[in-house]
Amino acid sequence: MDKIFLNELKVETVIGIWEWERKIRQTVIIDLEMSADIAKAAATDDVKDTLNYKSVAKRIQSFVADSSFQLVETLAERIAGIIRDEFEVKWVKVRVNKVGAIRGSRDVGILIERGQWSD
């Protein structure tokens, strides 16, 4: 099986457990890896025969921008669900980085994999 990836998708959202975090928008950076069979698309050279990563990006950006979760874990789980359910992806890896969440650390976040990977 092939993978389609999307890295460093930046979105402003309400995320966090602290009262001050509930009043501001913070940047999250999202990396995605999604299973796909690109053989047909490679043969036809037609976007209709592949997972359209622009459509995935727009959907995830819209969802995250409109969301208001306390936990990065919940956000990652919901992103994975959207990709699997709406785009019929069998396996997805989602990394959500909450920029600046811990002083002295460049990155902090969550990495999850959902579904079955098959060759």
C-alpha atoms as a PDB file:
ATOM      1  CA  MET A   1       0.000   0.000   0.000  1.00  0.00           C
ATOM      2  CA  ASP A   2       1.138   3.511  -0.725  1.00  0.00           C
ATOM      3  CA  LYS A   3       1.045   6.550   1.532  1.00  0.00           C
ATOM      4  CA  ILE A   4      -0.029  10.081   0.830  1.00  0.00           C
ATOM      5  CA  PHE A   5       1.354  12.589   3.302  1.00  0.00           C
ATOM      6  CA  LEU A   6       0.594  16.157   4.298  1.00  0.00           C
ATOM      7  CA  ASN A   7       3.059  17.907   6.599  1.00  0.00           C
ATOM      8  CA  GLU A   8       2.993  21.081   8.653  1.00  0.00           C
ATOM      9  CA  LEU A   9      -0.625  22.048   8.125  1.00  0.00           C
ATOM     10  CA  LYS A  10      -0.916  25.085  10.420  1.00  0.00           C
ATOM     11  CA  VAL A  11      -4.288  25.996  11.898  1.00  0.00           C
ATOM     12  CA  GLU A  12      -5.373  28.475  14.562  1.00  0.00           C
ATOM     13  CA  THR A  13      -7.840  26.989  17.065  1.00  0.00           C
ATOM     14  CA  VAL A  14      -9.049  27.069  20.652  1.00  0.00           C
ATOM     15  CA  ILE A  15      -7.216  24.271  22.462  1.00  0.00           C
ATOM     16  CA  GLY A  16      -6.268  23.767  26.084  1.00  0.00           C
ATOM     17  CA  ILE A  17      -7.428  23.126  29.614  1.00  0.00           C
ATOM     18  CA  TRP A  18      -6.551  26.445  31.230  1.00  0.00           C
ATOM     19  CA  GLU A  19      -9.055  29.291  31.423  1.00  0.00           C
ATOM     20  CA  TRP A  20      -6.744  31.660  29.546  1.00  0.00           C
ATOM     21  CA  GLU A  21      -6.381  29.099  26.735  1.00  0.00           C
ATOM     22  CA  ARG A  22     -10.146  28.983  26.268  1.00  0.00           C
ATOM     23  CA  LYS A  23     -10.104  32.715  25.429  1.00  0.00           C
ATOM     24  CA  ILE A  24      -7.450  32.728  22.695  1.00  0.00           C
ATOM     25  CA  ARG A  25      -6.587  30.941  19.477  1.00  0.00           C
ATOM     26  CA  GLN A  26      -3.370  28.952  19.364  1.00  0.00           C
ATOM     27  CA  THR A  27      -1.459  27.396  16.479  1.00  0.00           C
ATOM     28  CA  VAL A  28      -1.453  23.653  16.029  1.00  0.00           C
ATOM     29  CA  ILE A  29       0.625  21.967  13.364  1.00  0.00           C
ATOM     30  CA  ILE A  30      -0.767  18.790  11.849  1.00  0.00           C
ATOM     31  CA  ASP A  31       1.106  16.068   9.958  1.00  0.00           C
ATOM     32  CA  LEU A  32      -0.842  13.320   8.217  1.00  0.00           C
ATOM     33  CA  GLU A  33       0.046  10.020   6.579  1.00  0.00           C
ATOM     34  CA  MET A  34      -2.799   8.184   4.852  1.00  0.00           C
ATOM     35  CA  SER A  35      -2.934   4.801   3.168  1.00  0.00           C
ATOM     36  CA  ALA A  36      -3.823   4.880  -0.487  1.00  0.00           C
ATOM     37  CA  ASP A  37      -3.566   2.768  -3.588  1.00  0.00           C
ATOM     38  CA  ILE A  38      -2.162   5.170  -6.162  1.00  0.00           C
ATOM     39  CA  ALA A  39      -1.678   2.633  -8.971  1.00  0.00           C
ATOM     40  CA  LYS A  40      -4.839   3.624 -10.839  1.00  0.00           C
ATOM     41  CA  ALA A  41      -4.088   7.346 -10.495  1.00  0.00           C
ATOM     42  CA  ALA A  42      -0.543   6.790 -11.716  1.00  0.00           C
ATOM     43  CA  ALA A  43      -1.882   4.947 -14.757  1.00  0.00           C
ATOM     44  CA  THR A  44      -4.672   7.410 -15.614  1.00  0.00           C
ATOM     45  CA  ASP A  45      -2.977  10.624 -14.454  1.00  0.00           C
ATOM     46  CA  ASP A  46      -6.390  11.699 -13.140  1.00  0.00           C
ATOM     47  CA  VAL A  47      -6.963  13.198  -9.682  1.00  0.00           C
ATOM     48  CA  LYS A  48     -10.362  11.459  -9.503  1.00  0.00           C
ATOM     49  CA  ASP A  49      -8.475   8.174  -9.132  1.00  0.00           C
ATOM     50  CA  THR A  50      -6.551   9.120  -5.995  1.00  0.00           C
ATOM     51  CA  LEU A  51      -6.999  10.536  -2.513  1.00  0.00           C
ATOM     52  CA  ASN A  52      -7.249  14.273  -3.135  1.00  0.00           C
ATOM     53  CA  TYR A  53      -4.941  15.738  -0.500  1.00  0.00           C
ATOM     54  CA  LYS A  54      -6.193  19.275  -1.204  1.00  0.00           C
ATOM     55  CA  SER A  55      -9.703  18.172  -0.234  1.00  0.00           C
ATOM     56  CA  VAL A  56      -8.345  16.487   2.892  1.00  0.00           C
ATOM     57  CA  ALA A  57      -6.378  19.615   3.845  1.00  0.00           C
ATOM     58  CA  LYS A  58      -9.359  21.939   3.386  1.00  0.00           C
ATOM     59  CA  ARG A  59     -11.660  19.685   5.415  1.00  0.00           C
ATOM     60  CA  ILE A  60      -9.187  19.328   8.277  1.00  0.00           C
ATOM     61  CA  GLN A  61      -8.356  23.055   8.307  1.00  0.00           C
ATOM     62  CA  SER A  62     -12.043  23.936   8.481  1.00  0.00           C
ATOM     63  CA  PHE A  63     -12.772  21.380  11.199  1.00  0.00           C
ATOM     64  CA  VAL A  64      -9.814  22.351  13.388  1.00  0.00           C
ATOM     65  CA  ALA A  65     -10.396  26.103  13.001  1.00  0.00           C
ATOM     66  CA  ASP A  66     -14.013  25.670  14.112  1.00  0.00           C
ATOM     67  CA  SER A  67     -13.238  23.266  16.969  1.00  0.00           C
ATOM     68  CA  SER A  68     -12.730  23.990  20.658  1.00  0.00           C
ATOM     69  CA  PHE A  69     -11.224  21.000  22.451  1.00  0.00           C
ATOM     70  CA  GLN A  70      -9.446  20.855  25.773  1.00  0.00           C
ATOM     71  CA  LEU A  71      -7.115  18.007  24.851  1.00  0.00           C
ATOM     72  CA  VAL A  72      -4.816  17.576  21.868  1.00  0.00           C
ATOM     73  CA  GLU A  73      -5.612  13.861  22.169  1.00  0.00           C
ATOM     74  CA  THR A  74      -9.281  14.516  21.403  1.00  0.00           C
ATOM     75  CA  LEU A  75      -8.413  16.719  18.444  1.00  0.00           C
ATOM     76  CA  ALA A  76      -6.111  14.052  16.976  1.00  0.00           C
ATOM     77  CA  GLU A  77      -8.752  11.350  17.416  1.00  0.00           C
ATOM     78  CA  ARG A  78     -11.425  13.442  15.692  1.00  0.00           C
ATOM     79  CA  ILE A  79      -9.097  14.269  12.790  1.00  0.00           C
ATOM     80  CA  ALA A  80      -8.356  10.560  12.319  1.00  0.00           C
ATOM     81  CA  GLY A  81     -12.075   9.789  12.349  1.00  0.00           C
ATOM     82  CA  ILE A  82     -12.868  12.380   9.692  1.00  0.00           C
ATOM     83  CA  ILE A  83     -10.141  11.110   7.396  1.00  0.00           C
ATOM     84  CA  ARG A  84     -11.136   7.472   7.802  1.00  0.00           C
ATOM     85  CA  ASP A  85     -14.890   8.034   7.550  1.00  0.00           C
ATOM     86  CA  GLU A  86     -15.221  10.831   5.010  1.00  0.00           C
ATOM     87  CA  PHE A  87     -12.321   9.943   2.730  1.00  0.00           C
ATOM     88  CA  GLU A  88     -12.549   6.145   3.098  1.00  0.00           C
ATOM     89  CA  VAL A  89      -8.948   5.815   4.229  1.00  0.00           C
ATOM     90  CA  LYS A  90      -8.166   2.471   5.877  1.00  0.00           C
ATOM     91  CA  TRP A  91      -5.119   3.641   7.856  1.00  0.00           C
ATOM     92  CA  VAL A  92      -4.060   7.086   9.026  1.00  0.00           C
ATOM     93  CA  LYS A  93      -1.278   8.498  11.160  1.00  0.00           C
ATOM     94  CA  VAL A  94      -2.040  11.876  12.751  1.00  0.00           C
ATOM     95  CA  ARG A  95       0.518  14.059  14.526  1.00  0.00           C
ATOM     96  CA  VAL A  96      -0.742  17.198  16.266  1.00  0.00           C
ATOM     97  CA  ASN A  97       1.855  19.609  17.603  1.00  0.00           C
ATOM     98  CA  LYS A  98       0.706  22.310  20.017  1.00  0.00           C
ATOM     99  CA  VAL A  99       3.333  24.944  19.383  1.00  0.00           C
ATOM    100  CA  GLY A 100       4.834  26.506  22.509  1.00  0.00           C
ATOM    101  CA  ALA A 101       2.811  24.451  24.985  1.00  0.00           C
ATOM    102  CA  ILE A 102       5.838  23.749  27.189  1.00  0.00           C
ATOM    103  CA  ARG A 103       8.425  26.419  27.841  1.00  0.00           C
ATOM    104  CA  GLY A 104      11.824  25.275  26.661  1.00  0.00           C
ATOM    105  CA  SER A 105      10.388  22.713  24.249  1.00  0.00           C
ATOM    106  CA  ARG A 106       9.972  23.337  20.532  1.00  0.00           C
ATOM    107  CA  ASP A 107       7.396  20.594  20.017  1.00  0.00           C
ATOM    108  CA  VAL A 108       4.826  18.913  22.202  1.00  0.00           C
ATOM    109  CA  GLY A 109       1.828  16.952  21.052  1.00  0.00           C
ATOM    110  CA  ILE A 110       0.366  13.614  20.177  1.00  0.00           C
ATOM    111  CA  LEU A 111       0.924  10.974  17.501  1.00  0.00           C
ATOM    112  CA  ILE A 112      -1.749   8.364  16.809  1.00  0.00           C
ATOM    113  CA  GLU A 113      -2.338   5.672  14.204  1.00  0.00           C
ATOM    114  CA  ARG A 114      -5.810   4.363  13.449  1.00  0.00           C
ATOM    115  CA  GLY A 115      -6.995   1.585  11.178  1.00  0.00           C
ATOM    116  CA  GLN A 116      -5.315  -1.351   9.518  1.00  0.00           C
ATOM    117  CA  TRP A 117      -2.236  -1.017   7.351  1.00  0.00           C
ATOM    118  CA  SER A 118      -2.136  -3.571   4.547  1.00  0.00           C
ATOM    119  CA  ASP A 119       0.104  -4.175   1.570  1.00  0.00           C
END
